[in-house]
Amino acid sequence: MSDLSREQCVKPQKGMPPLSGNEVDNLLPLAEGWLVIDSEEVPKLQKTFRFKRYKDALDFVVAVGWAADEQDHHPKITIEYGKVTVEWWTHVINGLHRNDFIMAAKTDEIYRSREDTKPRIS
């Protein structure tokens, strides 16, 4: 996933096709733990991240928000006590684009950088 996290998002043009099923299948193994879900008839990448404290979850959301704004590619983020769910898809093409996988990789890097905030498994 680290190679994708070094890439920059490109601005997709309206009317360009979303990734094909084969293209998604080729990229999905690089997005460890991410699922392709169908929400409102649109495929999206989704992953839930766990946290010890609500403040840690908030800090993560802010960091993902800054990264999203930097790349001009914005997710749906749902925050709850102890967890954050992030969904990436490309609105303008109503489906998945390489940008979504790039941002999934960047999201994972942000989470890994906050290793001390994750819940302890005992």
C-alpha atoms as a PDB file:
ATOM      1  CA  MET A   1       0.000   0.000   0.000  1.00  0.00           C
ATOM      2  CA  SER A   2       2.910   2.367   0.619  1.00  0.00           C
ATOM      3  CA  ASP A   3       3.542   2.923  -3.107  1.00  0.00           C
ATOM      4  CA  LEU A   4      -0.019   4.176  -3.575  1.00  0.00           C
ATOM      5  CA  SER A   5       0.326   6.483  -0.587  1.00  0.00           C
ATOM      6  CA  ARG A   6       3.138   8.339  -2.365  1.00  0.00           C
ATOM      7  CA  GLU A   7       0.992   9.057  -5.418  1.00  0.00           C
ATOM      8  CA  GLN A   8      -0.951  12.269  -5.905  1.00  0.00           C
ATOM      9  CA  CYS A   9      -4.597  12.421  -6.894  1.00  0.00           C
ATOM     10  CA  VAL A  10      -5.482  13.697 -10.348  1.00  0.00           C
ATOM     11  CA  LYS A  11      -8.634  15.588 -11.182  1.00  0.00           C
ATOM     12  CA  PRO A  12     -11.020  13.188 -12.963  1.00  0.00           C
ATOM     13  CA  GLN A  13     -13.160  14.622 -15.713  1.00  0.00           C
ATOM     14  CA  LYS A  14     -16.928  14.367 -15.677  1.00  0.00           C
ATOM     15  CA  GLY A  15     -18.032  11.621 -18.040  1.00  0.00           C
ATOM     16  CA  MET A  16     -14.895   9.503 -17.709  1.00  0.00           C
ATOM     17  CA  PRO A  17     -15.665   5.907 -16.792  1.00  0.00           C
ATOM     18  CA  PRO A  18     -15.085   4.555 -13.294  1.00  0.00           C
ATOM     19  CA  LEU A  19     -12.602   1.733 -12.808  1.00  0.00           C
ATOM     20  CA  SER A  20     -13.659  -1.557 -14.339  1.00  0.00           C
ATOM     21  CA  GLY A  21     -14.249  -4.589 -12.157  1.00  0.00           C
ATOM     22  CA  ASN A  22     -10.864  -5.998 -13.219  1.00  0.00           C
ATOM     23  CA  GLU A  23      -9.099  -2.737 -12.352  1.00  0.00           C
ATOM     24  CA  VAL A  24     -10.750  -2.693  -8.918  1.00  0.00           C
ATOM     25  CA  ASP A  25      -9.808  -6.359  -8.398  1.00  0.00           C
ATOM     26  CA  ASN A  26      -6.164  -5.529  -9.217  1.00  0.00           C
ATOM     27  CA  LEU A  27      -6.014  -2.571  -6.815  1.00  0.00           C
ATOM     28  CA  LEU A  28      -8.016  -4.045  -3.923  1.00  0.00           C
ATOM     29  CA  PRO A  29      -5.187  -6.314  -2.646  1.00  0.00           C
ATOM     30  CA  LEU A  30      -3.130  -3.140  -2.191  1.00  0.00           C
ATOM     31  CA  ALA A  31      -5.853  -1.717   0.066  1.00  0.00           C
ATOM     32  CA  GLU A  32      -5.481  -4.003   3.061  1.00  0.00           C
ATOM     33  CA  GLY A  33      -8.672  -4.281   5.064  1.00  0.00           C
ATOM     34  CA  TRP A  34     -10.688  -2.028   2.751  1.00  0.00           C
ATOM     35  CA  LEU A  35     -13.980  -3.362   1.421  1.00  0.00           C
ATOM     36  CA  VAL A  36     -15.822  -2.482  -1.748  1.00  0.00           C
ATOM     37  CA  ILE A  37     -19.381  -1.772  -0.707  1.00  0.00           C
ATOM     38  CA  ASP A  38     -22.377  -0.813  -2.790  1.00  0.00           C
ATOM     39  CA  SER A  39     -24.068   2.210  -1.283  1.00  0.00           C
ATOM     40  CA  GLU A  40     -26.908   3.906  -3.118  1.00  0.00           C
ATOM     41  CA  GLU A  41     -25.913   1.934  -6.229  1.00  0.00           C
ATOM     42  CA  VAL A  42     -22.397   3.395  -6.140  1.00  0.00           C
ATOM     43  CA  PRO A  43     -19.320   1.272  -5.358  1.00  0.00           C
ATOM     44  CA  LYS A  44     -17.229   2.743  -2.542  1.00  0.00           C
ATOM     45  CA  LEU A  45     -14.142   1.786  -0.570  1.00  0.00           C
ATOM     46  CA  GLN A  46     -14.907   1.480   3.141  1.00  0.00           C
ATOM     47  CA  LYS A  47     -12.878   0.754   6.249  1.00  0.00           C
ATOM     48  CA  THR A  48     -13.489   1.151   9.980  1.00  0.00           C
ATOM     49  CA  PHE A  49     -10.672   2.250  12.284  1.00  0.00           C
ATOM     50  CA  ARG A  50     -10.735   1.670  16.055  1.00  0.00           C
ATOM     51  CA  PHE A  51      -9.575   4.025  18.824  1.00  0.00           C
ATOM     52  CA  LYS A  52      -9.188   3.980  22.596  1.00  0.00           C
ATOM     53  CA  ARG A  53     -10.573   7.453  23.122  1.00  0.00           C
ATOM     54  CA  TYR A  54     -13.009   9.701  21.294  1.00  0.00           C
ATOM     55  CA  LYS A  55     -10.363  12.442  21.181  1.00  0.00           C
ATOM     56  CA  ASP A  56      -8.036  10.070  19.301  1.00  0.00           C
ATOM     57  CA  ALA A  57     -10.784   9.417  16.776  1.00  0.00           C
ATOM     58  CA  LEU A  58     -11.332  13.165  16.365  1.00  0.00           C
ATOM     59  CA  ASP A  59      -7.610  13.758  15.819  1.00  0.00           C
ATOM     60  CA  PHE A  60      -7.593  11.047  13.153  1.00  0.00           C
ATOM     61  CA  VAL A  61     -10.612  12.581  11.407  1.00  0.00           C
ATOM     62  CA  VAL A  62      -8.923  15.981  11.338  1.00  0.00           C
ATOM     63  CA  ALA A  63      -5.731  14.486   9.891  1.00  0.00           C
ATOM     64  CA  VAL A  64      -7.685  12.619   7.192  1.00  0.00           C
ATOM     65  CA  GLY A  65      -9.576  15.838   6.476  1.00  0.00           C
ATOM     66  CA  TRP A  66      -6.330  17.769   5.968  1.00  0.00           C
ATOM     67  CA  ALA A  67      -4.987  15.055   3.648  1.00  0.00           C
ATOM     68  CA  ALA A  68      -8.260  15.029   1.720  1.00  0.00           C
ATOM     69  CA  ASP A  69      -8.226  18.779   1.310  1.00  0.00           C
ATOM     70  CA  GLU A  70      -4.587  18.702   0.201  1.00  0.00           C
ATOM     71  CA  GLN A  71      -5.486  16.209  -2.540  1.00  0.00           C
ATOM     72  CA  ASP A  72      -8.858  17.851  -3.333  1.00  0.00           C
ATOM     73  CA  HIS A  73     -10.540  14.479  -2.842  1.00  0.00           C
ATOM     74  CA  HIS A  74     -13.017  14.217   0.018  1.00  0.00           C
ATOM     75  CA  PRO A  75     -14.487  11.159   1.785  1.00  0.00           C
ATOM     76  CA  LYS A  76     -17.528  10.422   3.837  1.00  0.00           C
ATOM     77  CA  ILE A  77     -16.403  10.082   7.443  1.00  0.00           C
ATOM     78  CA  THR A  78     -18.584   8.729  10.244  1.00  0.00           C
ATOM     79  CA  ILE A  79     -17.291   9.106  13.786  1.00  0.00           C
ATOM     80  CA  GLU A  80     -18.605   7.185  16.766  1.00  0.00           C
ATOM     81  CA  TYR A  81     -17.205   6.460  20.181  1.00  0.00           C
ATOM     82  CA  GLY A  82     -14.191   4.202  19.626  1.00  0.00           C
ATOM     83  CA  LYS A  83     -14.360   4.062  15.849  1.00  0.00           C
ATOM     84  CA  VAL A  84     -14.267   5.995  12.599  1.00  0.00           C
ATOM     85  CA  THR A  85     -15.594   4.699   9.283  1.00  0.00           C
ATOM     86  CA  VAL A  86     -14.151   6.216   6.112  1.00  0.00           C
ATOM     87  CA  GLU A  87     -15.650   5.828   2.641  1.00  0.00           C
ATOM     88  CA  TRP A  88     -13.866   6.873  -0.556  1.00  0.00           C
ATOM     89  CA  TRP A  89     -15.411   7.152  -4.005  1.00  0.00           C
ATOM     90  CA  THR A  90     -15.233   9.642  -6.814  1.00  0.00           C
ATOM     91  CA  HIS A  91     -18.402  11.705  -6.965  1.00  0.00           C
ATOM     92  CA  VAL A  92     -17.886  13.146 -10.455  1.00  0.00           C
ATOM     93  CA  ILE A  93     -17.731   9.675 -12.053  1.00  0.00           C
ATOM     94  CA  ASN A  94     -20.163   8.065  -9.602  1.00  0.00           C
ATOM     95  CA  GLY A  95     -17.803   5.197  -8.844  1.00  0.00           C
ATOM     96  CA  LEU A  96     -14.262   4.193  -8.023  1.00  0.00           C
ATOM     97  CA  HIS A  97     -11.136   5.850  -9.420  1.00  0.00           C
ATOM     98  CA  ARG A  98      -7.458   5.263  -8.700  1.00  0.00           C
ATOM     99  CA  ASN A  99      -7.669   8.367  -6.457  1.00  0.00           C
ATOM    100  CA  ASP A 100      -9.840   6.398  -4.039  1.00  0.00           C
ATOM    101  CA  PHE A 101      -7.152   3.755  -3.620  1.00  0.00           C
ATOM    102  CA  ILE A 102      -4.485   6.448  -3.254  1.00  0.00           C
ATOM    103  CA  MET A 103      -6.491   8.095  -0.490  1.00  0.00           C
ATOM    104  CA  ALA A 104      -7.195   4.739   1.175  1.00  0.00           C
ATOM    105  CA  ALA A 105      -3.419   4.239   1.340  1.00  0.00           C
ATOM    106  CA  LYS A 106      -2.900   7.735   2.726  1.00  0.00           C
ATOM    107  CA  THR A 107      -5.654   7.102   5.309  1.00  0.00           C
ATOM    108  CA  ASP A 108      -3.924   3.884   6.416  1.00  0.00           C
ATOM    109  CA  GLU A 109      -0.622   5.743   6.784  1.00  0.00           C
ATOM    110  CA  ILE A 110      -2.288   8.374   8.956  1.00  0.00           C
ATOM    111  CA  TYR A 111      -3.759   5.621  11.139  1.00  0.00           C
ATOM    112  CA  ARG A 112      -0.435   3.817  11.432  1.00  0.00           C
ATOM    113  CA  SER A 113       1.259   7.078  12.425  1.00  0.00           C
ATOM    114  CA  ARG A 114      -1.088   7.209  15.422  1.00  0.00           C
ATOM    115  CA  GLU A 115      -0.128   3.736  16.621  1.00  0.00           C
ATOM    116  CA  ASP A 116      -0.299   4.772  20.278  1.00  0.00           C
ATOM    117  CA  THR A 117      -3.983   5.701  19.983  1.00  0.00           C
ATOM    118  CA  LYS A 118      -5.219   2.306  18.872  1.00  0.00           C
ATOM    119  CA  PRO A 119      -7.044   0.101  21.369  1.00  0.00           C
ATOM    120  CA  ARG A 120      -4.971  -2.511  23.103  1.00  0.00           C
ATOM    121  CA  ILE A 121      -5.945  -6.090  22.387  1.00  0.00           C
ATOM    122  CA  SER A 122      -5.356  -8.326  25.372  1.00  0.00           C
END
